[in-house]
């Protein structure tokens, strides 16, 4: 009756894709699923950023790349990969300016995926800032971001551990059928987000070195405190 739709909501892709991670963003109109794309190209080590990213998101991208460089050996990458490859990070809908501190972990996940050629699980979305050492910092706007995850068909959401109390205040109607995992380090994000389990040699893709491993720093919080399943 109303004719062609005038607006549309972002939804998760139909398959797991290499170099594409689902971020969650707060906007003036609510929450949105934010697609982060990354691709590795032969080059001289340049970092290319497109999609009208603001200064904060540009800094997040630089921090994410520095984290990946610091973890290159553990990820099975050439420690000098950054001298031979350009990394292009793009956030679609380039006509819309984007900024904010909460895309760091999704940018890092997309970059690792692109370099390892391992898809990111399309059913996983995430939000959080990253430090150079991979620590995950808290962010705001959880209600709107969790609503966006619910609308988009996401089944698992990765949130900073320090947002646990804030997340527990969100109505259960909003987070029904969502599995919420609270993470403290970027290695945990990669463990949950990558489609291939690079932590177990027997499950590593044969195209990767057999030594590909991730060493997760010990957490002061037990796993039972970091996972919440809300039906």
C-alpha atoms as a PDB file:
ATOM      1  CA  UNK A   1       0.000   0.000   0.000  1.00  0.00           C
ATOM      2  CA  UNK A   2       2.839   2.409   0.757  1.00  0.00           C
ATOM      3  CA  UNK A   3       4.793   1.750  -2.443  1.00  0.00           C
ATOM      4  CA  UNK A   4       8.506   1.056  -2.698  1.00  0.00           C
ATOM      5  CA  UNK A   5      10.416   1.135   0.628  1.00  0.00           C
ATOM      6  CA  UNK A   6      12.076   4.492   1.283  1.00  0.00           C
ATOM      7  CA  UNK A   7      14.478   3.158   3.926  1.00  0.00           C
ATOM      8  CA  UNK A   8      16.154  -0.147   4.599  1.00  0.00           C
ATOM      9  CA  UNK A   9      18.060  -1.767   7.423  1.00  0.00           C
ATOM     10  CA  UNK A  10      21.456  -3.417   7.112  1.00  0.00           C
ATOM     11  CA  UNK A  11      21.332  -7.190   7.495  1.00  0.00           C
ATOM     12  CA  UNK A  12      24.051  -9.786   7.860  1.00  0.00           C
ATOM     13  CA  UNK A  13      25.449 -11.346   4.688  1.00  0.00           C
ATOM     14  CA  UNK A  14      24.274 -14.697   3.389  1.00  0.00           C
ATOM     15  CA  UNK A  15      27.695 -16.295   3.865  1.00  0.00           C
ATOM     16  CA  UNK A  16      30.878 -15.868   5.872  1.00  0.00           C
ATOM     17  CA  UNK A  17      33.262 -13.576   3.997  1.00  0.00           C
ATOM     18  CA  UNK A  18      36.987 -12.889   4.198  1.00  0.00           C
ATOM     19  CA  UNK A  19      37.877  -9.395   5.352  1.00  0.00           C
ATOM     20  CA  UNK A  20      34.372  -8.400   6.398  1.00  0.00           C
ATOM     21  CA  UNK A  21      33.331  -7.939  10.035  1.00  0.00           C
ATOM     22  CA  UNK A  22      30.103  -6.716  11.605  1.00  0.00           C
ATOM     23  CA  UNK A  23      30.462  -3.709  13.853  1.00  0.00           C
ATOM     24  CA  UNK A  24      27.695  -2.029  15.842  1.00  0.00           C
ATOM     25  CA  UNK A  25      27.224   1.726  15.831  1.00  0.00           C
ATOM     26  CA  UNK A  26      25.102   4.251  17.706  1.00  0.00           C
ATOM     27  CA  UNK A  27      23.383   6.884  15.562  1.00  0.00           C
ATOM     28  CA  UNK A  28      20.910   9.684  16.214  1.00  0.00           C
ATOM     29  CA  UNK A  29      18.214   7.399  14.788  1.00  0.00           C
ATOM     30  CA  UNK A  30      19.168   4.428  16.981  1.00  0.00           C
ATOM     31  CA  UNK A  31      21.627   1.603  16.376  1.00  0.00           C
ATOM     32  CA  UNK A  32      22.977   0.287  13.088  1.00  0.00           C
ATOM     33  CA  UNK A  33      24.938  -2.708  11.890  1.00  0.00           C
ATOM     34  CA  UNK A  34      28.217  -1.304  10.581  1.00  0.00           C
ATOM     35  CA  UNK A  35      29.979  -3.373   7.937  1.00  0.00           C
ATOM     36  CA  UNK A  36      33.772  -3.094   8.052  1.00  0.00           C
ATOM     37  CA  UNK A  37      35.656  -4.256   4.950  1.00  0.00           C
ATOM     38  CA  UNK A  38      39.397  -4.855   4.698  1.00  0.00           C
ATOM     39  CA  UNK A  39      41.563  -6.138   1.891  1.00  0.00           C
ATOM     40  CA  UNK A  40      45.300  -6.828   1.640  1.00  0.00           C
ATOM     41  CA  UNK A  41      47.002  -5.738  -1.582  1.00  0.00           C
ATOM     42  CA  UNK A  42      50.532  -5.969  -2.906  1.00  0.00           C
ATOM     43  CA  UNK A  43      52.129  -2.650  -2.098  1.00  0.00           C
ATOM     44  CA  UNK A  44      54.539  -0.724   0.118  1.00  0.00           C
ATOM     45  CA  UNK A  45      52.819  -0.826   3.506  1.00  0.00           C
ATOM     46  CA  UNK A  46      50.297   1.973   3.058  1.00  0.00           C
ATOM     47  CA  UNK A  47      47.089   2.135   5.098  1.00  0.00           C
ATOM     48  CA  UNK A  48      44.162   3.282   2.953  1.00  0.00           C
ATOM     49  CA  UNK A  49      40.980   4.467   4.667  1.00  0.00           C
ATOM     50  CA  UNK A  50      37.764   5.226   2.779  1.00  0.00           C
ATOM     51  CA  UNK A  51      34.108   5.724   3.655  1.00  0.00           C
ATOM     52  CA  UNK A  52      34.288   9.247   5.151  1.00  0.00           C
ATOM     53  CA  UNK A  53      35.877   8.074   8.393  1.00  0.00           C
ATOM     54  CA  UNK A  54      36.384  10.710  11.072  1.00  0.00           C
ATOM     55  CA  UNK A  55      39.599  11.287  12.979  1.00  0.00           C
ATOM     56  CA  UNK A  56      38.665   8.923  15.844  1.00  0.00           C
ATOM     57  CA  UNK A  57      37.916   6.007  13.496  1.00  0.00           C
ATOM     58  CA  UNK A  58      41.121   6.697  11.603  1.00  0.00           C
ATOM     59  CA  UNK A  59      43.051   6.426  14.856  1.00  0.00           C
ATOM     60  CA  UNK A  60      41.203   3.181  15.663  1.00  0.00           C
ATOM     61  CA  UNK A  61      42.284   1.758  12.312  1.00  0.00           C
ATOM     62  CA  UNK A  62      45.917   2.689  12.956  1.00  0.00           C
ATOM     63  CA  UNK A  63      45.807   1.148  16.436  1.00  0.00           C
ATOM     64  CA  UNK A  64      44.213  -2.015  15.046  1.00  0.00           C
ATOM     65  CA  UNK A  65      46.944  -2.382  12.430  1.00  0.00           C
ATOM     66  CA  UNK A  66      49.655  -1.858  15.051  1.00  0.00           C
ATOM     67  CA  UNK A  67      48.076  -4.594  17.178  1.00  0.00           C
ATOM     68  CA  UNK A  68      48.083  -6.973  14.199  1.00  0.00           C
ATOM     69  CA  UNK A  69      51.736  -6.184  13.513  1.00  0.00           C
ATOM     70  CA  UNK A  70      52.605  -6.916  17.152  1.00  0.00           C
ATOM     71  CA  UNK A  71      50.818 -10.291  16.915  1.00  0.00           C
ATOM     72  CA  UNK A  72      52.163 -11.207  13.459  1.00  0.00           C
ATOM     73  CA  UNK A  73      54.307 -14.115  14.657  1.00  0.00           C
ATOM     74  CA  UNK A  74      51.508 -15.637  16.742  1.00  0.00           C
ATOM     75  CA  UNK A  75      49.124 -15.327  13.810  1.00  0.00           C
ATOM     76  CA  UNK A  76      51.515 -17.095  11.462  1.00  0.00           C
ATOM     77  CA  UNK A  77      52.155 -13.953   9.413  1.00  0.00           C
ATOM     78  CA  UNK A  78      55.438 -12.738   8.014  1.00  0.00           C
ATOM     79  CA  UNK A  79      56.647 -10.216  10.657  1.00  0.00           C
ATOM     80  CA  UNK A  80      57.412  -7.804   7.805  1.00  0.00           C
ATOM     81  CA  UNK A  81      54.124  -8.265   5.966  1.00  0.00           C
ATOM     82  CA  UNK A  82      53.369  -4.562   6.380  1.00  0.00           C
ATOM     83  CA  UNK A  83      56.354  -3.676   4.166  1.00  0.00           C
ATOM     84  CA  UNK A  84      55.011  -5.698   1.247  1.00  0.00           C
ATOM     85  CA  UNK A  85      51.264  -5.154   1.457  1.00  0.00           C
ATOM     86  CA  UNK A  86      48.870  -2.238   1.525  1.00  0.00           C
ATOM     87  CA  UNK A  87      45.845  -2.555   3.800  1.00  0.00           C
ATOM     88  CA  UNK A  88      42.652  -0.933   2.542  1.00  0.00           C
ATOM     89  CA  UNK A  89      39.868  -0.456   5.094  1.00  0.00           C
ATOM     90  CA  UNK A  90      36.474   0.668   3.849  1.00  0.00           C
ATOM     91  CA  UNK A  91      33.121   1.307   5.517  1.00  0.00           C
ATOM     92  CA  UNK A  92      30.305   1.306   2.905  1.00  0.00           C
ATOM     93  CA  UNK A  93      27.791   4.108   2.460  1.00  0.00           C
ATOM     94  CA  UNK A  94      30.616   6.517   1.781  1.00  0.00           C
ATOM     95  CA  UNK A  95      28.236   9.466   1.455  1.00  0.00           C
ATOM     96  CA  UNK A  96      27.575   9.287   5.209  1.00  0.00           C
ATOM     97  CA  UNK A  97      30.319  10.611   7.542  1.00  0.00           C
ATOM     98  CA  UNK A  98      31.239   8.142  10.304  1.00  0.00           C
ATOM     99  CA  UNK A  99      33.172   8.612  13.518  1.00  0.00           C
ATOM    100  CA  UNK A 100      33.397   7.235  17.027  1.00  0.00           C
ATOM    101  CA  UNK A 101      35.598   5.051  19.232  1.00  0.00           C
ATOM    102  CA  UNK A 102      33.706   1.750  19.112  1.00  0.00           C
ATOM    103  CA  UNK A 103      34.840   0.240  15.798  1.00  0.00           C
ATOM    104  CA  UNK A 104      38.362  -0.730  16.852  1.00  0.00           C
ATOM    105  CA  UNK A 105      37.780  -4.454  17.414  1.00  0.00           C
ATOM    106  CA  UNK A 106      35.729  -4.930  14.247  1.00  0.00           C
ATOM    107  CA  UNK A 107      38.427  -3.166  12.199  1.00  0.00           C
ATOM    108  CA  UNK A 108      41.111  -5.403  13.722  1.00  0.00           C
ATOM    109  CA  UNK A 109      39.022  -8.529  13.072  1.00  0.00           C
ATOM    110  CA  UNK A 110      38.507  -7.549   9.428  1.00  0.00           C
ATOM    111  CA  UNK A 111      42.243  -6.876   8.936  1.00  0.00           C
ATOM    112  CA  UNK A 112      43.289 -10.215  10.493  1.00  0.00           C
ATOM    113  CA  UNK A 113      40.692 -12.003   8.381  1.00  0.00           C
ATOM    114  CA  UNK A 114      41.997 -10.367   5.202  1.00  0.00           C
ATOM    115  CA  UNK A 115      45.624 -11.231   5.993  1.00  0.00           C
ATOM    116  CA  UNK A 116      44.939 -14.832   7.038  1.00  0.00           C
ATOM    117  CA  UNK A 117      42.299 -15.401   4.350  1.00  0.00           C
ATOM    118  CA  UNK A 118      40.000 -16.757   7.069  1.00  0.00           C
ATOM    119  CA  UNK A 119      36.318 -15.674   6.927  1.00  0.00           C
ATOM    120  CA  UNK A 120      34.654 -13.868   9.805  1.00  0.00           C
ATOM    121  CA  UNK A 121      31.453 -15.459  11.100  1.00  0.00           C
ATOM    122  CA  UNK A 122      28.536 -13.501   9.691  1.00  0.00           C
ATOM    123  CA  UNK A 123      26.446 -14.335  12.763  1.00  0.00           C
ATOM    124  CA  UNK A 124      28.826 -12.399  15.044  1.00  0.00           C
ATOM    125  CA  UNK A 125      28.738  -8.641  15.644  1.00  0.00           C
ATOM    126  CA  UNK A 126      30.996  -6.651  17.951  1.00  0.00           C
ATOM    127  CA  UNK A 127      31.690  -3.261  19.453  1.00  0.00           C
ATOM    128  CA  UNK A 128      34.600  -1.949  21.484  1.00  0.00           C
ATOM    129  CA  UNK A 129      37.774   0.089  21.289  1.00  0.00           C
ATOM    130  CA  UNK A 130      41.209  -1.533  21.095  1.00  0.00           C
ATOM    131  CA  UNK A 131      44.537  -0.529  22.588  1.00  0.00           C
ATOM    132  CA  UNK A 132      47.902  -1.178  20.973  1.00  0.00           C
ATOM    133  CA  UNK A 133      48.335  -4.252  23.178  1.00  0.00           C
ATOM    134  CA  UNK A 134      44.920  -5.640  22.274  1.00  0.00           C
ATOM    135  CA  UNK A 135      43.011  -4.690  25.415  1.00  0.00           C
ATOM    136  CA  UNK A 136      39.309  -4.008  24.838  1.00  0.00           C
ATOM    137  CA  UNK A 137      37.957  -0.725  26.240  1.00  0.00           C
ATOM    138  CA  UNK A 138      34.302  -0.020  27.129  1.00  0.00           C
ATOM    139  CA  UNK A 139      31.907   1.906  24.893  1.00  0.00           C
ATOM    140  CA  UNK A 140      28.415   3.367  25.230  1.00  0.00           C
ATOM    141  CA  UNK A 141      25.096   3.118  23.429  1.00  0.00           C
ATOM    142  CA  UNK A 142      24.629  -0.599  24.210  1.00  0.00           C
ATOM    143  CA  UNK A 143      20.834  -0.535  24.104  1.00  0.00           C
ATOM    144  CA  UNK A 144      20.754   0.848  20.576  1.00  0.00           C
ATOM    145  CA  UNK A 145      23.584  -1.414  19.416  1.00  0.00           C
ATOM    146  CA  UNK A 146      21.926  -4.553  20.777  1.00  0.00           C
ATOM    147  CA  UNK A 147      18.676  -3.548  19.087  1.00  0.00           C
ATOM    148  CA  UNK A 148      20.581  -3.254  15.809  1.00  0.00           C
ATOM    149  CA  UNK A 149      22.069  -6.722  16.320  1.00  0.00           C
ATOM    150  CA  UNK A 150      18.612  -8.153  16.984  1.00  0.00           C
ATOM    151  CA  UNK A 151      17.135  -6.578  13.847  1.00  0.00           C
ATOM    152  CA  UNK A 152      20.022  -7.644  11.628  1.00  0.00           C
ATOM    153  CA  UNK A 153      19.830 -11.362  12.375  1.00  0.00           C
ATOM    154  CA  UNK A 154      22.979 -11.557  14.504  1.00  0.00           C
ATOM    155  CA  UNK A 155      23.086 -14.429  17.014  1.00  0.00           C
ATOM    156  CA  UNK A 156      26.242 -13.551  19.009  1.00  0.00           C
ATOM    157  CA  UNK A 157      27.458 -10.151  20.193  1.00  0.00           C
ATOM    158  CA  UNK A 158      30.931  -9.436  21.569  1.00  0.00           C
ATOM    159  CA  UNK A 159      31.045  -6.635  24.134  1.00  0.00           C
ATOM    160  CA  UNK A 160      33.836  -5.222  26.324  1.00  0.00           C
ATOM    161  CA  UNK A 161      33.913  -6.910  29.722  1.00  0.00           C
ATOM    162  CA  UNK A 162      33.719  -3.535  31.437  1.00  0.00           C
ATOM    163  CA  UNK A 163      30.284  -3.050  29.822  1.00  0.00           C
ATOM    164  CA  UNK A 164      28.831  -6.079  31.632  1.00  0.00           C
ATOM    165  CA  UNK A 165      26.918  -4.094  34.259  1.00  0.00           C
ATOM    166  CA  UNK A 166      25.581  -1.706  31.608  1.00  0.00           C
ATOM    167  CA  UNK A 167      24.451  -4.600  29.383  1.00  0.00           C
ATOM    168  CA  UNK A 168      22.616  -6.313  32.234  1.00  0.00           C
ATOM    169  CA  UNK A 169      20.406  -3.231  32.578  1.00  0.00           C
ATOM    170  CA  UNK A 170      19.127  -3.600  28.990  1.00  0.00           C
ATOM    171  CA  UNK A 171      15.623  -5.037  28.742  1.00  0.00           C
ATOM    172  CA  UNK A 172      15.483  -8.779  28.050  1.00  0.00           C
ATOM    173  CA  UNK A 173      13.006  -8.063  25.241  1.00  0.00           C
ATOM    174  CA  UNK A 174      15.808  -6.290  23.391  1.00  0.00           C
ATOM    175  CA  UNK A 175      18.412  -9.038  23.798  1.00  0.00           C
ATOM    176  CA  UNK A 176      16.198 -12.108  23.493  1.00  0.00           C
ATOM    177  CA  UNK A 177      17.850 -14.946  21.545  1.00  0.00           C
ATOM    178  CA  UNK A 178      21.198 -13.153  21.620  1.00  0.00           C
ATOM    179  CA  UNK A 179      24.311 -14.761  23.027  1.00  0.00           C
ATOM    180  CA  UNK A 180      26.401 -12.017  24.611  1.00  0.00           C
ATOM    181  CA  UNK A 181      30.088 -12.656  25.242  1.00  0.00           C
ATOM    182  CA  UNK A 182      32.130 -10.157  27.248  1.00  0.00           C
ATOM    183  CA  UNK A 183      35.728  -9.957  26.020  1.00  0.00           C
ATOM    184  CA  UNK A 184      38.823  -8.416  27.550  1.00  0.00           C
ATOM    185  CA  UNK A 185      41.454  -8.954  24.855  1.00  0.00           C
ATOM    186  CA  UNK A 186      41.508  -8.901  21.057  1.00  0.00           C
ATOM    187  CA  UNK A 187      42.737 -12.501  20.970  1.00  0.00           C
ATOM    188  CA  UNK A 188      39.394 -13.503  22.492  1.00  0.00           C
ATOM    189  CA  UNK A 189      37.603 -11.604  19.731  1.00  0.00           C
ATOM    190  CA  UNK A 190      39.540 -13.466  17.036  1.00  0.00           C
ATOM    191  CA  UNK A 191      38.849 -16.778  18.750  1.00  0.00           C
ATOM    192  CA  UNK A 192      35.104 -16.138  18.644  1.00  0.00           C
ATOM    193  CA  UNK A 193      34.828 -14.265  15.347  1.00  0.00           C
ATOM    194  CA  UNK A 194      37.008 -16.198  12.904  1.00  0.00           C
ATOM    195  CA  UNK A 195      35.195 -18.970  11.042  1.00  0.00           C
ATOM    196  CA  UNK A 196      38.235 -21.253  11.305  1.00  0.00           C
ATOM    197  CA  UNK A 197      39.542 -22.056  14.776  1.00  0.00           C
ATOM    198  CA  UNK A 198      43.170 -20.968  14.433  1.00  0.00           C
ATOM    199  CA  UNK A 199      43.857 -22.015  17.997  1.00  0.00           C
ATOM    200  CA  UNK A 200      43.763 -25.745  17.284  1.00  0.00           C
ATOM    201  CA  UNK A 201      46.299 -27.119  14.829  1.00  0.00           C
ATOM    202  CA  UNK A 202      44.037 -29.934  13.717  1.00  0.00           C
ATOM    203  CA  UNK A 203      41.462 -27.379  12.554  1.00  0.00           C
ATOM    204  CA  UNK A 204      43.840 -24.893  10.935  1.00  0.00           C
ATOM    205  CA  UNK A 205      43.266 -24.413   7.218  1.00  0.00           C
ATOM    206  CA  UNK A 206      45.965 -26.260   5.289  1.00  0.00           C
ATOM    207  CA  UNK A 207      46.937 -23.054   3.488  1.00  0.00           C
ATOM    208  CA  UNK A 208      48.284 -21.663   6.770  1.00  0.00           C
ATOM    209  CA  UNK A 209      51.535 -22.580   8.554  1.00  0.00           C
ATOM    210  CA  UNK A 210      51.071 -25.389  11.071  1.00  0.00           C
ATOM    211  CA  UNK A 211      52.549 -23.115  13.735  1.00  0.00           C
ATOM    212  CA  UNK A 212      49.634 -20.676  13.538  1.00  0.00           C
ATOM    213  CA  UNK A 213      48.595 -20.126  17.155  1.00  0.00           C
ATOM    214  CA  UNK A 214      47.122 -17.489  19.376  1.00  0.00           C
ATOM    215  CA  UNK A 215      48.242 -17.239  22.987  1.00  0.00           C
ATOM    216  CA  UNK A 216      45.466 -15.697  25.040  1.00  0.00           C
ATOM    217  CA  UNK A 217      46.640 -13.711  28.067  1.00  0.00           C
ATOM    218  CA  UNK A 218      45.267 -15.132  31.325  1.00  0.00           C
ATOM    219  CA  UNK A 219      42.016 -13.491  32.387  1.00  0.00           C
ATOM    220  CA  UNK A 220      41.331 -12.549  35.998  1.00  0.00           C
ATOM    221  CA  UNK A 221      37.657 -13.322  35.394  1.00  0.00           C
ATOM    222  CA  UNK A 222      36.294 -16.879  34.949  1.00  0.00           C
ATOM    223  CA  UNK A 223      34.534 -17.759  31.700  1.00  0.00           C
ATOM    224  CA  UNK A 224      31.216 -18.056  33.535  1.00  0.00           C
ATOM    225  CA  UNK A 225      31.357 -14.325  34.242  1.00  0.00           C
ATOM    226  CA  UNK A 226      32.105 -13.425  30.640  1.00  0.00           C
ATOM    227  CA  UNK A 227      29.287 -15.262  28.870  1.00  0.00           C
ATOM    228  CA  UNK A 228      25.596 -14.456  29.118  1.00  0.00           C
ATOM    229  CA  UNK A 229      22.988 -16.313  27.061  1.00  0.00           C
ATOM    230  CA  UNK A 230      19.599 -14.625  27.088  1.00  0.00           C
ATOM    231  CA  UNK A 231      16.739 -16.505  25.456  1.00  0.00           C
END
